[in-house]
PDB file of N, CA and C in Angstrom:
ATOM      1  N   MET A   1      12.415  -6.590   3.021  1.00  0.00           N
ATOM      2  CA  MET A   1      11.325  -5.691   3.040  1.00  0.00           C
ATOM      3  C   MET A   1       9.955  -5.127   3.895  1.00  0.00           C
ATOM      4  N   HIS A   2       9.712  -4.083   3.949  1.00  0.00           N
ATOM      5  CA  HIS A   2       8.702  -3.537   4.366  1.00  0.00           C
ATOM      6  C   HIS A   2       6.855  -3.932   4.469  1.00  0.00           C
ATOM      7  N   GLU A   3       7.671  -4.459   2.738  1.00  0.00           N
ATOM      8  CA  GLU A   3       6.023  -5.049   1.738  1.00  0.00           C
ATOM      9  C   GLU A   3       5.569  -6.243   2.379  1.00  0.00           C
ATOM     10  N   PHE A   4       6.246  -6.923   3.284  1.00  0.00           N
ATOM     11  CA  PHE A   4       5.725  -8.483   3.866  1.00  0.00           C
ATOM     12  C   PHE A   4       4.631  -8.631   3.942  1.00  0.00           C
ATOM     13  N   THR A   5       4.192  -7.451   4.596  1.00  0.00           N
ATOM     14  CA  THR A   5       3.103  -7.387   5.764  1.00  0.00           C
ATOM     15  C   THR A   5       1.933  -7.182   5.396  1.00  0.00           C
ATOM     16  N   SER A   6       2.292  -6.081   3.970  1.00  0.00           N
ATOM     17  CA  SER A   6       1.317  -5.880   3.016  1.00  0.00           C
ATOM     18  C   SER A   6       0.798  -7.017   2.133  1.00  0.00           C
ATOM     19  N   VAL A   7       1.872  -7.570   1.044  1.00  0.00           N
ATOM     20  CA  VAL A   7       1.173  -8.966   0.294  1.00  0.00           C
ATOM     21  C   VAL A   7       0.626  -9.775   0.980  1.00  0.00           C
ATOM     22  N   HIS A   8       1.469  -9.889   2.247  1.00  0.00           N
ATOM     23  CA  HIS A   8       0.034 -11.194   2.480  1.00  0.00           C
ATOM     24  C   HIS A   8      -1.257 -10.876   3.545  1.00  0.00           C
ATOM     25  N   GLU A   9      -1.066  -9.875   3.667  1.00  0.00           N
ATOM     26  CA  GLU A   9      -2.815  -8.877   4.144  1.00  0.00           C
ATOM     27  C   GLU A   9      -3.331  -9.004   2.536  1.00  0.00           C
ATOM     28  N   ALA A  10      -2.896  -8.503   1.573  1.00  0.00           N
ATOM     29  CA  ALA A  10      -3.105  -8.500   0.438  1.00  0.00           C
ATOM     30  C   ALA A  10      -4.063  -9.946  -0.129  1.00  0.00           C
ATOM     31  N   ILE A  11      -2.460 -11.163   0.035  1.00  0.00           N
ATOM     32  CA  ILE A  11      -3.456 -12.260  -0.876  1.00  0.00           C
ATOM     33  C   ILE A  11      -4.542 -12.881   0.176  1.00  0.00           C
ATOM     34  N   GLU A  12      -3.730 -12.670   1.520  1.00  0.00           N
ATOM     35  CA  GLU A  12      -5.351 -13.354   2.566  1.00  0.00           C
ATOM     36  C   GLU A  12      -6.336 -12.788   2.172  1.00  0.00           C
ATOM     37  N   ARG A  13      -6.776 -11.701   1.914  1.00  0.00           N
ATOM     38  CA  ARG A  13      -8.090 -10.427   1.586  1.00  0.00           C
ATOM     39  C   ARG A  13      -8.196 -11.036   0.068  1.00  0.00           C
ATOM     40  N   ILE A  14      -7.451 -11.828  -1.114  1.00  0.00           N
ATOM     41  CA  ILE A  14      -8.009 -11.883  -2.077  1.00  0.00           C
ATOM     42  C   ILE A  14      -8.128 -12.766  -2.158  1.00  0.00           C
ATOM     43  N   LYS A  15      -7.802 -14.061  -1.577  1.00  0.00           N
ATOM     44  CA  LYS A  15      -7.768 -15.383  -1.526  1.00  0.00           C
ATOM     45  C   LYS A  15      -9.447 -15.560  -0.417  1.00  0.00           C
ATOM     46  N   GLN A  16      -9.711 -14.816  -0.198  1.00  0.00           N
ATOM     47  CA  GLN A  16     -10.849 -14.764   0.515  1.00  0.00           C
ATOM     48  C   GLN A  16     -12.563 -14.122  -0.324  1.00  0.00           C
ATOM     49  N   MET A  17     -12.140 -13.710  -1.585  1.00  0.00           N
ATOM     50  CA  MET A  17     -12.583 -13.224  -2.437  1.00  0.00           C
ATOM     51  C   MET A  17     -13.797 -14.538  -2.681  1.00  0.00           C
ATOM     52  N   GLN A  18     -14.744 -15.133  -3.422  1.00  0.00           N
ATOM     53  CA  GLN A  18     -15.444 -15.482  -4.509  1.00  0.00           C
ATOM     54  C   GLN A  18     -16.222 -15.765  -5.196  1.00  0.00           C
ATOM     55  N   PRO A  19     -16.687 -15.411  -6.893  1.00  0.00           N
ATOM     56  CA  PRO A  19     -14.453 -16.676  -7.099  1.00  0.00           C
ATOM     57  C   PRO A  19     -13.566 -15.739  -7.474  1.00  0.00           C
ATOM     58  N   LEU A  20     -12.409 -16.311  -7.543  1.00  0.00           N
ATOM     59  CA  LEU A  20     -11.047 -15.696  -7.160  1.00  0.00           C
ATOM     60  C   LEU A  20     -11.297 -14.867  -8.935  1.00  0.00           C
ATOM     61  N   PRO A  21     -10.393 -13.315  -7.876  1.00  0.00           N
ATOM     62  CA  PRO A  21     -10.475 -12.818  -9.630  1.00  0.00           C
ATOM     63  C   PRO A  21      -9.331 -13.229 -10.415  1.00  0.00           C
ATOM     64  N   ARG A  22      -9.912 -12.289 -12.189  1.00  0.00           N
ATOM     65  CA  ARG A  22      -8.308 -12.510 -12.280  1.00  0.00           C
ATOM     66  C   ARG A  22      -7.481 -11.158 -12.587  1.00  0.00           C
ATOM     67  N   LYS A  23      -7.923 -10.338 -12.321  1.00  0.00           N
ATOM     68  CA  LYS A  23      -7.251  -8.947 -12.224  1.00  0.00           C
ATOM     69  C   LYS A  23      -8.649  -7.758 -10.758  1.00  0.00           C
ATOM     70  N   VAL A  24      -7.248  -7.822 -10.632  1.00  0.00           N
ATOM     71  CA  VAL A  24      -7.328  -6.610  -9.258  1.00  0.00           C
ATOM     72  C   VAL A  24      -6.158  -4.808  -9.311  1.00  0.00           C
ATOM     73  N   ARG A  25      -7.443  -3.903  -8.864  1.00  0.00           N
ATOM     74  CA  ARG A  25      -6.444  -2.874  -8.851  1.00  0.00           C
ATOM     75  C   ARG A  25      -5.782  -2.924  -7.019  1.00  0.00           C
ATOM     76  N   ILE A  26      -5.099  -2.247  -6.759  1.00  0.00           N
ATOM     77  CA  ILE A  26      -4.417  -2.977  -5.691  1.00  0.00           C
ATOM     78  C   ILE A  26      -3.971  -0.740  -4.944  1.00  0.00           C
ATOM     79  N   ARG A  27      -4.386  -0.157  -5.173  1.00  0.00           N
ATOM     80  CA  ARG A  27      -4.487   1.479  -3.560  1.00  0.00           C
ATOM     81  C   ARG A  27      -3.599   1.009  -2.170  1.00  0.00           C
ATOM     82  N   MET A  28      -2.775   1.039  -2.772  1.00  0.00           N
ATOM     83  CA  MET A  28      -1.704   1.622  -1.985  1.00  0.00           C
ATOM     84  C   MET A  28      -0.655   2.922  -1.399  1.00  0.00           C
ATOM     85  N   GLY A  29      -0.836   3.093   0.560  1.00  0.00           N
ATOM     86  CA  GLY A  29       0.051   4.180   0.484  1.00  0.00           C
ATOM     87  C   GLY A  29       1.300   3.775   0.532  1.00  0.00           C
ATOM     88  N   LYS A  30       1.916   4.880  -0.152  1.00  0.00           N
ATOM     89  CA  LYS A  30       3.127   4.817   0.140  1.00  0.00           C
ATOM     90  C   LYS A  30       3.660   4.499   1.996  1.00  0.00           C
ATOM     91  N   MET A  31       3.506   4.969   2.576  1.00  0.00           N
ATOM     92  CA  MET A  31       3.603   4.399   3.684  1.00  0.00           C
ATOM     93  C   MET A  31       4.031   3.068   3.728  1.00  0.00           C
ATOM     94  N   ARG A  32       3.281   2.798   2.938  1.00  0.00           N
ATOM     95  CA  ARG A  32       3.152   0.821   3.292  1.00  0.00           C
ATOM     96  C   ARG A  32       4.860   0.444   2.389  1.00  0.00           C
ATOM     97  N   GLY A  33       5.346   1.433   1.402  1.00  0.00           N
ATOM     98  CA  GLY A  33       6.364   0.789   0.623  1.00  0.00           C
ATOM     99  C   GLY A  33       6.377   0.824  -0.529  1.00  0.00           C
ATOM    100  N   SER A  34       7.307   0.361  -1.251  1.00  0.00           N
ATOM    101  CA  SER A  34       7.561   0.838  -3.133  1.00  0.00           C
ATOM    102  C   SER A  34       5.767  -0.409  -3.778  1.00  0.00           C
ATOM    103  N   ALA A  35       5.610   0.473  -4.817  1.00  0.00           N
ATOM    104  CA  ALA A  35       4.962  -0.369  -5.718  1.00  0.00           C
ATOM    105  C   ALA A  35       5.258  -1.810  -6.326  1.00  0.00           C
ATOM    106  N   LYS A  36       6.986  -1.257  -6.797  1.00  0.00           N
ATOM    107  CA  LYS A  36       7.769  -1.656  -7.579  1.00  0.00           C
ATOM    108  C   LYS A  36       8.027  -3.096  -6.116  1.00  0.00           C
ATOM    109  N   ALA A  37       8.141  -2.729  -5.463  1.00  0.00           N
ATOM    110  CA  ALA A  37       8.626  -3.919  -4.735  1.00  0.00           C
ATOM    111  C   ALA A  37       7.461  -4.803  -3.747  1.00  0.00           C
ATOM    112  N   PHE A  38       6.691  -4.078  -4.352  1.00  0.00           N
ATOM    113  CA  PHE A  38       5.127  -4.959  -3.461  1.00  0.00           C
ATOM    114  C   PHE A  38       5.288  -5.781  -4.909  1.00  0.00           C
ATOM    115  N   GLU A  39       4.395  -5.491  -6.452  1.00  0.00           N
ATOM    116  CA  GLU A  39       4.540  -6.007  -7.241  1.00  0.00           C
ATOM    117  C   GLU A  39       5.705  -8.024  -6.651  1.00  0.00           C
ATOM    118  N   GLU A  40       7.123  -7.104  -6.749  1.00  0.00           N
ATOM    119  CA  GLU A  40       8.244  -8.166  -7.523  1.00  0.00           C
ATOM    120  C   GLU A  40       7.529  -9.226  -5.643  1.00  0.00           C
ATOM    121  N   MET A  41       7.456  -8.669  -5.322  1.00  0.00           N
ATOM    122  CA  MET A  41       6.433  -9.776  -4.357  1.00  0.00           C
ATOM    123  C   MET A  41       5.875 -10.366  -4.155  1.00  0.00           C
ATOM    124  N   PHE A  42       4.866  -9.590  -4.281  1.00  0.00           N
ATOM    125  CA  PHE A  42       3.612 -10.459  -4.982  1.00  0.00           C
ATOM    126  C   PHE A  42       3.370 -11.325  -5.217  1.00  0.00           C
ATOM    127  N   ARG A  43       4.626 -11.044  -6.462  1.00  0.00           N
ATOM    128  CA  ARG A  43       4.628 -12.071  -7.229  1.00  0.00           C
ATOM    129  C   ARG A  43       5.624 -14.002  -7.292  1.00  0.00           C
ATOM    130  N   GLU A  44       6.047 -13.050  -6.515  1.00  0.00           N
ATOM    131  CA  GLU A  44       6.956 -14.556  -5.761  1.00  0.00           C
ATOM    132  C   GLU A  44       6.153 -15.359  -4.681  1.00  0.00           C
ATOM    133  N   HIS A  45       5.450 -14.424  -3.789  1.00  0.00           N
ATOM    134  CA  HIS A  45       4.285 -15.155  -2.827  1.00  0.00           C
ATOM    135  C   HIS A  45       3.122 -16.051  -3.241  1.00  0.00           C
ATOM    136  N   THR A  46       3.410 -15.409  -4.580  1.00  0.00           N
ATOM    137  CA  THR A  46       1.413 -16.675  -5.282  1.00  0.00           C
ATOM    138  C   THR A  46       2.328 -17.738  -6.195  1.00  0.00           C
ATOM    139  N   ARG A  47       3.506 -17.456  -6.580  1.00  0.00           N
ATOM    140  CA  ARG A  47       3.546 -18.029  -7.746  1.00  0.00           C
ATOM    141  C   ARG A  47       3.782 -20.135  -6.695  1.00  0.00           C
ATOM    142  N   ASP A  48       2.867 -20.834  -8.174  1.00  0.00           N
ATOM    143  CA  ASP A  48       2.382 -21.773  -7.522  1.00  0.00           C
ATOM    144  C   ASP A  48       0.898 -22.252  -6.766  1.00  0.00           C
ATOM    145  N   THR A  49       0.109 -21.239  -6.433  1.00  0.00           N
ATOM    146  CA  THR A  49      -0.808 -20.837  -6.267  1.00  0.00           C
ATOM    147  C   THR A  49      -2.340 -20.149  -7.170  1.00  0.00           C
ATOM    148  N   GLY A  50      -3.523 -20.489  -6.751  1.00  0.00           N
ATOM    149  CA  GLY A  50      -3.744 -19.967  -7.028  1.00  0.00           C
ATOM    150  C   GLY A  50      -4.433 -18.554  -7.877  1.00  0.00           C
ATOM    151  N   LEU A  51      -3.808 -17.998  -6.575  1.00  0.00           N
ATOM    152  CA  LEU A  51      -3.453 -16.473  -7.306  1.00  0.00           C
ATOM    153  C   LEU A  51      -2.166 -16.625  -8.086  1.00  0.00           C
ATOM    154  N   GLN A  52      -1.498 -17.333  -9.005  1.00  0.00           N
ATOM    155  CA  GLN A  52      -0.609 -16.849  -9.442  1.00  0.00           C
ATOM    156  C   GLN A  52      -1.443 -16.644 -11.041  1.00  0.00           C
ATOM    157  N   GLY A  53      -0.441 -15.533 -11.401  1.00  0.00           N
ATOM    158  CA  GLY A  53      -0.647 -14.989 -12.902  1.00  0.00           C
ATOM    159  C   GLY A  53      -1.878 -13.495 -12.830  1.00  0.00           C
ATOM    160  N   ILE A  54      -2.201 -13.758 -11.763  1.00  0.00           N
ATOM    161  CA  ILE A  54      -3.411 -12.148 -10.948  1.00  0.00           C
ATOM    162  C   ILE A  54      -3.310 -10.796 -11.701  1.00  0.00           C
ATOM    163  N   GLY A  55      -3.530 -11.059 -12.011  1.00  0.00           N
ATOM    164  CA  GLY A  55      -3.471  -9.308 -13.497  1.00  0.00           C
ATOM    165  C   GLY A  55      -3.476  -7.937 -12.386  1.00  0.00           C
ATOM    166  N   LEU A  56      -2.389  -8.109 -11.897  1.00  0.00           N
ATOM    167  CA  LEU A  56      -2.759  -5.692 -10.430  1.00  0.00           C
ATOM    168  C   LEU A  56      -2.420  -5.297 -11.268  1.00  0.00           C
ATOM    169  N   GLU A  57      -3.265  -4.189 -11.077  1.00  0.00           N
ATOM    170  CA  GLU A  57      -3.157  -2.590 -11.128  1.00  0.00           C
ATOM    171  C   GLU A  57      -2.690  -1.952  -9.646  1.00  0.00           C
ATOM    172  N   ILE A  58      -1.459  -1.285  -9.641  1.00  0.00           N
ATOM    173  CA  ILE A  58      -0.916  -0.954  -8.540  1.00  0.00           C
ATOM    174  C   ILE A  58      -1.063   0.583  -8.271  1.00  0.00           C
ATOM    175  N   GLU A  59      -1.966   1.708  -7.558  1.00  0.00           N
ATOM    176  CA  GLU A  59      -1.613   3.024  -7.989  1.00  0.00           C
ATOM    177  C   GLU A  59      -1.056   3.107  -5.802  1.00  0.00           C
ATOM    178  N   GLN A  60      -0.499   4.298  -6.894  1.00  0.00           N
ATOM    179  CA  GLN A  60       0.801   4.134  -5.033  1.00  0.00           C
ATOM    180  C   GLN A  60       0.400   5.154  -4.594  1.00  0.00           C
ATOM    181  N   VAL A  61      -0.724   5.743  -3.829  1.00  0.00           N
ATOM    182  CA  VAL A  61      -0.691   6.682  -2.843  1.00  0.00           C
ATOM    183  C   VAL A  61      -0.301   7.885  -2.048  1.00  0.00           C
ATOM    184  N   PRO A  62      -0.207   8.794  -2.372  1.00  0.00           N
ATOM    185  CA  PRO A  62       0.601  10.447  -1.767  1.00  0.00           C
ATOM    186  C   PRO A  62       0.250  10.546  -0.273  1.00  0.00           C
ATOM    187  N   VAL A  63       1.648  10.683   0.687  1.00  0.00           N
ATOM    188  CA  VAL A  63       1.359  10.407   2.287  1.00  0.00           C
ATOM    189  C   VAL A  63       0.598  12.028   1.853  1.00  0.00           C
ATOM    190  N   GLU A  64      -0.800  12.566   2.674  1.00  0.00           N
ATOM    191  CA  GLU A  64      -0.267  13.541   3.103  1.00  0.00           C
ATOM    192  C   GLU A  64      -0.634  13.958   4.384  1.00  0.00           C
ATOM    193  N   ILE A  65      -0.879  15.039   5.576  1.00  0.00           N
ATOM    194  CA  ILE A  65      -0.836  14.774   6.467  1.00  0.00           C
ATOM    195  C   ILE A  65      -1.397  16.202   6.971  1.00  0.00           C
ATOM    196  N   SER A  66      -1.778  16.155   8.768  1.00  0.00           N
ATOM    197  CA  SER A  66      -2.285  17.276   8.792  1.00  0.00           C
ATOM    198  C   SER A  66      -1.473  17.798  10.135  1.00  0.00           C
ATOM    199  N   CYS A  67      -0.910  18.439  11.063  1.00  0.00           N
ATOM    200  CA  CYS A  67       0.443  18.809  11.537  1.00  0.00           C
ATOM    201  C   CYS A  67      -0.360  19.507  13.024  1.00  0.00           C
ATOM    202  N   GLN A  68      -0.013  19.934  13.917  1.00  0.00           N
ATOM    203  CA  GLN A  68      -0.806  20.417  15.060  1.00  0.00           C
ATOM    204  C   GLN A  68      -0.732  21.891  14.741  1.00  0.00           C
ATOM    205  N   CYS A  69       1.557  21.485  14.086  1.00  0.00           N
ATOM    206  CA  CYS A  69       0.989  23.579  13.466  1.00  0.00           C
ATOM    207  C   CYS A  69       0.404  23.597  12.803  1.00  0.00           C
ATOM    208  N   GLY A  70      -0.436  23.292  12.290  1.00  0.00           N
ATOM    209  CA  GLY A  70      -1.205  23.532  10.775  1.00  0.00           C
ATOM    210  C   GLY A  70      -0.297  23.579   9.889  1.00  0.00           C
ATOM    211  N   LEU A  71       0.362  22.752   9.357  1.00  0.00           N
ATOM    212  CA  LEU A  71       1.272  21.988   8.172  1.00  0.00           C
ATOM    213  C   LEU A  71      -0.158  21.494   7.902  1.00  0.00           C
ATOM    214  N   GLU A  72      -0.473  21.571   6.117  1.00  0.00           N
ATOM    215  CA  GLU A  72      -1.572  20.186   5.926  1.00  0.00           C
ATOM    216  C   GLU A  72      -0.920  20.290   4.148  1.00  0.00           C
ATOM    217  N   GLY A  73      -1.070  18.703   4.133  1.00  0.00           N
ATOM    218  CA  GLY A  73      -0.935  18.725   2.929  1.00  0.00           C
ATOM    219  C   GLY A  73      -0.204  17.691   2.808  1.00  0.00           C
ATOM    220  N   THR A  74       0.447  17.160   0.960  1.00  0.00           N
ATOM    221  CA  THR A  74       0.988  16.352   0.116  1.00  0.00           C
ATOM    222  C   THR A  74       2.224  16.215   1.595  1.00  0.00           C
ATOM    223  N   VAL A  75       2.808  15.492   1.688  1.00  0.00           N
ATOM    224  CA  VAL A  75       4.529  14.932   1.750  1.00  0.00           C
ATOM    225  C   VAL A  75       5.341  14.162   1.231  1.00  0.00           C
ATOM    226  N   ARG A  76       6.511  13.583   1.247  1.00  0.00           N
ATOM    227  CA  ARG A  76       7.367  12.762   0.456  1.00  0.00           C
ATOM    228  C   ARG A  76       7.714  12.063   1.896  1.00  0.00           C
ATOM    229  N   VAL A  77       7.845  10.845   1.204  1.00  0.00           N
ATOM    230  CA  VAL A  77       8.527   9.700   2.652  1.00  0.00           C
ATOM    231  C   VAL A  77       9.243   8.833   1.158  1.00  0.00           C
ATOM    232  N   MET A  78      10.475   8.543   2.233  1.00  0.00           N
ATOM    233  CA  MET A  78      11.731   7.040   1.430  1.00  0.00           C
ATOM    234  C   MET A  78      11.321   6.111   0.972  1.00  0.00           C
ATOM    235  N   GLY A  79      10.063   6.133   1.898  1.00  0.00           N
ATOM    236  CA  GLY A  79       9.766   4.538   1.850  1.00  0.00           C
ATOM    237  C   GLY A  79       9.106   4.264   2.629  1.00  0.00           C
ATOM    238  N   HIS A  80       8.583   2.614   3.335  1.00  0.00           N
ATOM    239  CA  HIS A  80       7.972   2.251   4.749  1.00  0.00           C
ATOM    240  C   HIS A  80       8.422   3.125   5.664  1.00  0.00           C
ATOM    241  N   VAL A  81       7.550   3.323   6.568  1.00  0.00           N
ATOM    242  CA  VAL A  81       7.215   3.938   7.404  1.00  0.00           C
ATOM    243  C   VAL A  81       6.471   3.668   9.231  1.00  0.00           C
ATOM    244  N   HIS A  82       6.583   3.833   9.417  1.00  0.00           N
ATOM    245  CA  HIS A  82       5.169   4.069  10.310  1.00  0.00           C
ATOM    246  C   HIS A  82       4.309   4.809  10.844  1.00  0.00           C
ATOM    247  N   PHE A  83       5.684   6.476  10.922  1.00  0.00           N
ATOM    248  CA  PHE A  83       4.733   7.548  11.351  1.00  0.00           C
ATOM    249  C   PHE A  83       5.537   8.850  10.491  1.00  0.00           C
ATOM    250  N   VAL A  84       4.854  10.121  10.184  1.00  0.00           N
ATOM    251  CA  VAL A  84       5.381  11.086   9.863  1.00  0.00           C
ATOM    252  C   VAL A  84       5.683  12.416   9.875  1.00  0.00           C
ATOM    253  N   ARG A  85       7.190  12.362  10.288  1.00  0.00           N
ATOM    254  CA  ARG A  85       7.307  13.199  11.305  1.00  0.00           C
ATOM    255  C   ARG A  85       7.034  15.233  10.188  1.00  0.00           C
ATOM    256  N   CYS A  86       7.182  15.890  11.133  1.00  0.00           N
ATOM    257  CA  CYS A  86       6.188  17.290  10.065  1.00  0.00           C
ATOM    258  C   CYS A  86       6.699  18.535   9.283  1.00  0.00           C
ATOM    259  N   PRO A  87       7.399  18.436   7.861  1.00  0.00           N
ATOM    260  CA  PRO A  87       8.760  18.756   8.121  1.00  0.00           C
ATOM    261  C   PRO A  87       8.893  20.390   8.319  1.00  0.00           C
ATOM    262  N   ARG A  88       8.393  21.330   8.920  1.00  0.00           N
ATOM    263  CA  ARG A  88       7.781  22.198   9.626  1.00  0.00           C
ATOM    264  C   ARG A  88       8.603  22.415  10.735  1.00  0.00           C
ATOM    265  N   CYS A  89       7.633  21.693  11.574  1.00  0.00           N
ATOM    266  CA  CYS A  89       7.982  21.978  13.424  1.00  0.00           C
ATOM    267  C   CYS A  89       8.792  20.225  13.646  1.00  0.00           C
ATOM    268  N   GLY A  90       8.221  18.926  12.659  1.00  0.00           N
ATOM    269  CA  GLY A  90       9.335  17.896  13.314  1.00  0.00           C
ATOM    270  C   GLY A  90       8.116  17.279  14.378  1.00  0.00           C
ATOM    271  N   HIS A  91       7.262  17.758  15.385  1.00  0.00           N
ATOM    272  CA  HIS A  91       6.771  16.901  15.428  1.00  0.00           C
ATOM    273  C   HIS A  91       5.536  15.133  14.094  1.00  0.00           C
ATOM    274  N   ILE A  92       4.866  14.196  15.319  1.00  0.00           N
ATOM    275  CA  ILE A  92       4.393  13.539  14.664  1.00  0.00           C
ATOM    276  C   ILE A  92       3.440  14.133  14.194  1.00  0.00           C
ATOM    277  N   THR A  93       3.188  13.589  12.901  1.00  0.00           N
ATOM    278  CA  THR A  93       1.823  14.184  12.428  1.00  0.00           C
ATOM    279  C   THR A  93       0.978  12.925  12.682  1.00  0.00           C
ATOM    280  N   ASP A  94      -0.617  13.657  12.423  1.00  0.00           N
ATOM    281  CA  ASP A  94      -2.131  12.668  11.880  1.00  0.00           C
ATOM    282  C   ASP A  94      -1.827  12.808   9.842  1.00  0.00           C
ATOM    283  N   ALA A  95      -1.460  11.257  10.001  1.00  0.00           N
ATOM    284  CA  ALA A  95      -1.632  10.495   8.459  1.00  0.00           C
ATOM    285  C   ALA A  95      -3.325  10.375   8.213  1.00  0.00           C
ATOM    286  N   ILE A  96      -3.501  11.440   7.173  1.00  0.00           N
ATOM    287  CA  ILE A  96      -4.977  11.463   6.642  1.00  0.00           C
ATOM    288  C   ILE A  96      -4.906  11.596   5.333  1.00  0.00           C
ATOM    289  N   ARG A  97      -3.749  10.458   4.649  1.00  0.00           N
ATOM    290  CA  ARG A  97      -3.915   9.447   3.295  1.00  0.00           C
ATOM    291  C   ARG A  97      -2.084   8.967   3.381  1.00  0.00           C
ATOM    292  N   GLY A  98      -2.588   7.594   3.049  1.00  0.00           N
ATOM    293  CA  GLY A  98      -1.468   7.297   2.758  1.00  0.00           C
ATOM    294  C   GLY A  98      -0.510   5.612   3.326  1.00  0.00           C
ATOM    295  N   ASN A  99      -1.970   5.514   4.054  1.00  0.00           N
ATOM    296  CA  ASN A  99      -1.641   4.094   5.339  1.00  0.00           C
ATOM    297  C   ASN A  99      -2.251   3.295   3.971  1.00  0.00           C
ATOM    298  N   GLU A 100      -2.929   3.134   3.532  1.00  0.00           N
ATOM    299  CA  GLU A 100      -4.027   2.810   2.912  1.00  0.00           C
ATOM    300  C   GLU A 100      -3.681   1.610   2.166  1.00  0.00           C
ATOM    301  N   LEU A 101      -4.498   0.067   1.709  1.00  0.00           N
ATOM    302  CA  LEU A 101      -4.516  -1.211   0.771  1.00  0.00           C
ATOM    303  C   LEU A 101      -5.650  -1.350   0.977  1.00  0.00           C
ATOM    304  N   GLU A 102      -5.551  -0.573  -0.306  1.00  0.00           N
ATOM    305  CA  GLU A 102      -7.626  -0.992  -0.922  1.00  0.00           C
ATOM    306  C   GLU A 102      -7.200  -1.662  -1.654  1.00  0.00           C
ATOM    307  N   ILE A 103      -8.148  -2.755  -1.683  1.00  0.00           N
ATOM    308  CA  ILE A 103      -8.225  -4.382  -2.878  1.00  0.00           C
ATOM    309  C   ILE A 103     -10.071  -3.903  -3.813  1.00  0.00           C
ATOM    310  N   GLU A 104      -9.614  -3.671  -5.556  1.00  0.00           N
ATOM    311  CA  GLU A 104     -10.672  -4.304  -5.703  1.00  0.00           C
ATOM    312  C   GLU A 104     -11.167  -5.013  -7.715  1.00  0.00           C
ATOM    313  N   VAL A 105     -12.134  -5.291  -7.429  1.00  0.00           N
ATOM    314  CA  VAL A 105     -12.226  -6.408  -8.428  1.00  0.00           C
ATOM    315  C   VAL A 105     -12.024  -6.052  -9.503  1.00  0.00           C
ATOM    316  N   LEU A 106     -11.516  -6.163 -10.519  1.00  0.00           N
ATOM    317  CA  LEU A 106     -11.317  -5.656 -11.903  1.00  0.00           C
ATOM    318  C   LEU A 106     -12.158  -6.423 -12.751  1.00  0.00           C
ATOM    319  N   GLU A 107     -11.956  -7.222 -12.719  1.00  0.00           N
ATOM    320  CA  GLU A 107     -12.022  -9.121 -13.704  1.00  0.00           C
ATOM    321  C   GLU A 107     -12.226 -10.547 -12.969  1.00  0.00           C
TER     322      GLU A 107
END
């Protein structure tokens, strides 16, 4: 699962929050993978830890690109990707959004 790195990054960031939150919102870009797989893996990796049972609200952020050919906008990706090719010209694009991992404390 490609979400592994993102899950561990989120766990480490949450562990540093004091006091530990009871609920967080995670904004995760589609380039990082599936929100469902992320949540399942997060639950598994926090079992029997101080983060077990933390409330998760996951917002999946679409991928937006800007290409040298002039194409700008939202594109569909099939899962975890390291880069996005332009659907018009095939060049590797600049990802404006879609690779973020942001954590906001809700409670």
